[in-house]
PDB file of N, CA and C in Angstrom:
ATOM      1  N   MET A   1      84.778  91.472  95.397  1.00  0.00           N
ATOM      2  CA  MET A   1      84.467  92.724  94.781  1.00  0.00           C
ATOM      3  C   MET A   1      83.287  92.507  93.852  1.00  0.00           C
ATOM      4  N   SER A   2      82.475  93.540  93.762  1.00  0.00           N
ATOM      5  CA  SER A   2      81.352  93.507  92.836  1.00  0.00           C
ATOM      6  C   SER A   2      81.192  94.888  92.216  1.00  0.00           C
ATOM      7  N   GLN A   3      80.560  94.925  91.064  1.00  0.00           N
ATOM      8  CA  GLN A   3      80.355  96.188  90.379  1.00  0.00           C
ATOM      9  C   GLN A   3      78.909  96.301  89.962  1.00  0.00           C
ATOM     10  N   SER A   4      78.350  97.496  90.160  1.00  0.00           N
ATOM     11  CA  SER A   4      77.014  97.827  89.704  1.00  0.00           C
ATOM     12  C   SER A   4      77.103  99.177  89.011  1.00  0.00           C
ATOM     13  N   GLY A   5      77.031  99.183  87.681  1.00  0.00           N
ATOM     14  CA  GLY A   5      77.237 100.420  86.938  1.00  0.00           C
ATOM     15  C   GLY A   5      78.648 100.926  87.189  1.00  0.00           C
ATOM     16  N   PRO A   6      78.811 102.203  87.541  1.00  0.00           N
ATOM     17  CA  PRO A   6      80.149 102.740  87.778  1.00  0.00           C
ATOM     18  C   PRO A   6      80.669 102.475  89.188  1.00  0.00           C
ATOM     19  N   ASN A   7      79.838 101.881  90.061  1.00  0.00           N
ATOM     20  CA  ASN A   7      80.221 101.682  91.463  1.00  0.00           C
ATOM     21  C   ASN A   7      80.821 100.304  91.694  1.00  0.00           C
ATOM     22  N   VAL A   8      81.969 100.265  92.367  1.00  0.00           N
ATOM     23  CA  VAL A   8      82.634  99.013  92.713  1.00  0.00           C
ATOM     24  C   VAL A   8      82.672  98.906  94.229  1.00  0.00           C
ATOM     25  N   THR A   9      82.306  97.742  94.761  1.00  0.00           N
ATOM     26  CA  THR A   9      82.272  97.519  96.204  1.00  0.00           C
ATOM     27  C   THR A   9      83.216  96.382  96.564  1.00  0.00           C
ATOM     28  N   ALA A  10      84.061  96.618  97.572  1.00  0.00           N
ATOM     29  CA  ALA A  10      84.948  95.579  98.110  1.00  0.00           C
ATOM     30  C   ALA A  10      84.512  95.293  99.532  1.00  0.00           C
ATOM     31  N   GLN A  11      84.453  94.024  99.901  1.00  0.00           N
ATOM     32  CA  GLN A  11      84.048  93.638 101.246  1.00  0.00           C
ATOM     33  C   GLN A  11      85.109  92.757 101.877  1.00  0.00           C
ATOM     34  N   ASN A  12      85.054  92.687 103.204  1.00  0.00           N
ATOM     35  CA  ASN A  12      86.011  91.874 103.946  1.00  0.00           C
ATOM     36  C   ASN A  12      85.835  90.388 103.622  1.00  0.00           C
ATOM     37  N   VAL A  13      86.859  89.636 103.967  1.00  0.00           N
ATOM     38  CA  VAL A  13      86.799  88.182 103.916  1.00  0.00           C
ATOM     39  C   VAL A  13      86.860  87.665 105.345  1.00  0.00           C
ATOM     40  N   SER A  14      86.705  86.368 105.543  1.00  0.00           N
ATOM     41  CA  SER A  14      86.573  85.809 106.891  1.00  0.00           C
ATOM     42  C   SER A  14      87.729  86.152 107.825  1.00  0.00           C
ATOM     43  N   TYR A  15      88.960  86.214 107.320  1.00  0.00           N
ATOM     44  CA  TYR A  15      90.105  86.443 108.205  1.00  0.00           C
ATOM     45  C   TYR A  15      90.335  87.910 108.557  1.00  0.00           C
ATOM     46  N   ASN A  16      89.628  88.856 107.951  1.00  0.00           N
ATOM     47  CA  ASN A  16      89.807  90.257 108.336  1.00  0.00           C
ATOM     48  C   ASN A  16      88.468  90.955 108.571  1.00  0.00           C
ATOM     49  N   ALA A  17      87.470  90.183 109.037  1.00  0.00           N
ATOM     50  CA  ALA A  17      86.141  90.741 109.254  1.00  0.00           C
ATOM     51  C   ALA A  17      86.117  91.718 110.420  1.00  0.00           C
ATOM     52  N   SER A  18      87.038  91.584 111.356  1.00  0.00           N
ATOM     53  CA  SER A  18      87.085  92.472 112.517  1.00  0.00           C
ATOM     54  C   SER A  18      88.506  92.986 112.679  1.00  0.00           C
ATOM     55  N   VAL A  19      88.665  94.286 112.682  1.00  0.00           N
ATOM     56  CA  VAL A  19      89.985  94.898 112.842  1.00  0.00           C
ATOM     57  C   VAL A  19      90.007  95.592 114.210  1.00  0.00           C
ATOM     58  N   PRO A  20      90.917  95.209 115.095  1.00  0.00           N
ATOM     59  CA  PRO A  20      90.947  95.813 116.425  1.00  0.00           C
ATOM     60  C   PRO A  20      91.377  97.276 116.369  1.00  0.00           C
ATOM     61  N   GLN A  21      91.017  98.034 117.400  1.00  0.00           N
ATOM     62  CA  GLN A  21      91.445  99.432 117.473  1.00  0.00           C
ATOM     63  C   GLN A  21      92.961  99.495 117.375  1.00  0.00           C
ATOM     64  N   GLY A  22      93.464 100.366 116.524  1.00  0.00           N
ATOM     65  CA  GLY A  22      94.902 100.488 116.298  1.00  0.00           C
ATOM     66  C   GLY A  22      95.437  99.489 115.290  1.00  0.00           C
ATOM     67  N   GLY A  23      94.595  98.557 114.849  1.00  0.00           N
ATOM     68  CA  GLY A  23      95.017  97.562 113.874  1.00  0.00           C
ATOM     69  C   GLY A  23      94.948  98.134 112.463  1.00  0.00           C
ATOM     70  N   ASN A  24      95.353  97.338 111.500  1.00  0.00           N
ATOM     71  CA  ASN A  24      95.274  97.796 110.121  1.00  0.00           C
ATOM     72  C   ASN A  24      95.035  96.617 109.192  1.00  0.00           C
ATOM     73  N   VAL A  25      94.577  96.937 108.022  1.00  0.00           N
ATOM     74  CA  VAL A  25      94.348  95.944 106.972  1.00  0.00           C
ATOM     75  C   VAL A  25      94.878  96.528 105.678  1.00  0.00           C
ATOM     76  N   GLN A  26      95.610  95.739 104.946  1.00  0.00           N
ATOM     77  CA  GLN A  26      96.072  96.162 103.630  1.00  0.00           C
ATOM     78  C   GLN A  26      95.322  95.356 102.590  1.00  0.00           C
ATOM     79  N   TRP A  27      94.974  96.009 101.495  1.00  0.00           N
ATOM     80  CA  TRP A  27      94.297  95.290 100.429  1.00  0.00           C
ATOM     81  C   TRP A  27      94.634  95.925  99.095  1.00  0.00           C
ATOM     82  N   GLY A  28      94.406  95.181  98.083  1.00  0.00           N
ATOM     83  CA  GLY A  28      94.647  95.673  96.737  1.00  0.00           C
ATOM     84  C   GLY A  28      93.845  94.832  95.765  1.00  0.00           C
ATOM     85  N   PHE A  29      93.869  95.216  94.532  1.00  0.00           N
ATOM     86  CA  PHE A  29      93.182  94.437  93.513  1.00  0.00           C
ATOM     87  C   PHE A  29      93.837  94.686  92.168  1.00  0.00           C
ATOM     88  N   ARG A  30      93.629  93.766  91.283  1.00  0.00           N
ATOM     89  CA  ARG A  30      94.128  93.870  89.924  1.00  0.00           C
ATOM     90  C   ARG A  30      92.906  93.921  89.008  1.00  0.00           C
ATOM     91  N   ALA A  31      92.886  94.865  88.109  1.00  0.00           N
ATOM     92  CA  ALA A  31      91.716  95.015  87.243  1.00  0.00           C
ATOM     93  C   ALA A  31      92.143  95.288  85.807  1.00  0.00           C
ATOM     94  N   THR A  32      91.277  94.932  84.914  1.00  0.00           N
ATOM     95  CA  THR A  32      91.474  95.246  83.501  1.00  0.00           C
ATOM     96  C   THR A  32      90.149  95.761  82.945  1.00  0.00           C
ATOM     97  N   TRP A  33      90.203  96.430  81.826  1.00  0.00           N
ATOM     98  CA  TRP A  33      88.989  96.864  81.164  1.00  0.00           C
ATOM     99  C   TRP A  33      89.228  96.885  79.675  1.00  0.00           C
ATOM    100  N   SER A  34      88.133  96.855  78.946  1.00  0.00           N
ATOM    101  CA  SER A  34      88.269  96.820  77.498  1.00  0.00           C
ATOM    102  C   SER A  34      87.499  97.951  76.821  1.00  0.00           C
ATOM    103  N   ASN A  35      87.036  98.907  77.597  1.00  0.00           N
ATOM    104  CA  ASN A  35      86.334 100.070  77.053  1.00  0.00           C
ATOM    105  C   ASN A  35      87.105 101.332  77.405  1.00  0.00           C
ATOM    106  N   SER A  36      86.648 102.453  76.916  1.00  0.00           N
ATOM    107  CA  SER A  36      87.302 103.722  77.250  1.00  0.00           C
ATOM    108  C   SER A  36      86.486 104.447  78.319  1.00  0.00           C
ATOM    109  N   ASP A  37      86.419 103.860  79.502  1.00  0.00           N
ATOM    110  CA  ASP A  37      85.686 104.463  80.611  1.00  0.00           C
ATOM    111  C   ASP A  37      86.359 105.749  81.070  1.00  0.00           C
ATOM    112  N   ALA A  38      85.565 106.648  81.627  1.00  0.00           N
ATOM    113  CA  ALA A  38      86.104 107.893  82.183  1.00  0.00           C
ATOM    114  C   ALA A  38      86.900 107.601  83.454  1.00  0.00           C
ATOM    115  N   ASN A  39      87.827 108.488  83.791  1.00  0.00           N
ATOM    116  CA  ASN A  39      88.570 108.356  85.040  1.00  0.00           C
ATOM    117  C   ASN A  39      87.613 108.448  86.217  1.00  0.00           C
ATOM    118  N   PRO A  40      87.928 107.790  87.347  1.00  0.00           N
ATOM    119  CA  PRO A  40      87.072 107.885  88.529  1.00  0.00           C
ATOM    120  C   PRO A  40      86.955 109.340  88.994  1.00  0.00           C
ATOM    121  N   SER A  41      85.778 109.699  89.478  1.00  0.00           N
ATOM    122  CA  SER A  41      85.576 111.064  89.972  1.00  0.00           C
ATOM    123  C   SER A  41      85.555 111.132  91.492  1.00  0.00           C
ATOM    124  N   ALA A  42      85.463 109.988  92.179  1.00  0.00           N
ATOM    125  CA  ALA A  42      85.426 109.988  93.640  1.00  0.00           C
ATOM    126  C   ALA A  42      85.746 108.596  94.172  1.00  0.00           C
ATOM    127  N   PHE A  43      86.315 108.556  95.372  1.00  0.00           N
ATOM    128  CA  PHE A  43      86.543 107.317  96.107  1.00  0.00           C
ATOM    129  C   PHE A  43      86.015 107.508  97.518  1.00  0.00           C
ATOM    130  N   ARG A  44      85.441 106.436  98.093  1.00  0.00           N
ATOM    131  CA  ARG A  44      84.965 106.483  99.470  1.00  0.00           C
ATOM    132  C   ARG A  44      85.422 105.210 100.177  1.00  0.00           C
ATOM    133  N   PHE A  45      85.749 105.331 101.456  1.00  0.00           N
ATOM    134  CA  PHE A  45      86.125 104.194 102.283  1.00  0.00           C
ATOM    135  C   PHE A  45      85.291 104.280 103.554  1.00  0.00           C
ATOM    136  N   ASN A  46      84.483 103.263 103.806  1.00  0.00           N
ATOM    137  CA  ASN A  46      83.547 103.285 104.942  1.00  0.00           C
ATOM    138  C   ASN A  46      82.725 104.558 104.960  1.00  0.00           C
ATOM    139  N   GLY A  47      82.344 105.038 103.796  1.00  0.00           N
ATOM    140  CA  GLY A  47      81.504 106.218 103.689  1.00  0.00           C
ATOM    141  C   GLY A  47      82.247 107.547 103.689  1.00  0.00           C
ATOM    142  N   ALA A  48      83.556 107.521 103.956  1.00  0.00           N
ATOM    143  CA  ALA A  48      84.348 108.766 104.003  1.00  0.00           C
ATOM    144  C   ALA A  48      85.057 108.977 102.675  1.00  0.00           C
ATOM    145  N   SER A  49      85.093 110.209 102.206  1.00  0.00           N
ATOM    146  CA  SER A  49      85.773 110.548 100.967  1.00  0.00           C
ATOM    147  C   SER A  49      87.273 110.323 101.083  1.00  0.00           C
ATOM    148  N   CYS A  50      87.893 109.884 100.011  1.00  0.00           N
ATOM    149  CA  CYS A  50      89.341 109.674  99.953  1.00  0.00           C
ATOM    150  C   CYS A  50      89.904 110.517  98.825  1.00  0.00           C
ATOM    151  N   ALA A  51      91.165 110.846  98.933  1.00  0.00           N
ATOM    152  CA  ALA A  51      91.834 111.656  97.898  1.00  0.00           C
ATOM    153  C   ALA A  51      92.025 110.825  96.631  1.00  0.00           C
ATOM    154  N   ILE A  52      91.933 111.477  95.513  1.00  0.00           N
ATOM    155  CA  ILE A  52      92.227 110.840  94.227  1.00  0.00           C
ATOM    156  C   ILE A  52      93.595 111.331  93.792  1.00  0.00           C
ATOM    157  N   GLY A  53      94.467 110.419  93.485  1.00  0.00           N
ATOM    158  CA  GLY A  53      95.739 110.922  93.071  1.00  0.00           C
ATOM    159  C   GLY A  53      96.723 109.929  92.775  1.00  0.00           C
TER     160      GLY A  53
END
């Protein structure tokens, strides 16, 4: 994962670089912060908008 300003990018690792049709990948992350940042206003996955909730 990397961050540039308010944008955070997650990329695949070697063992899940290719997902077959009908396959799936689960991922998660643990994060902390020490400022009072605003709540996220949008999420995207492979360029598609995702629900916030």
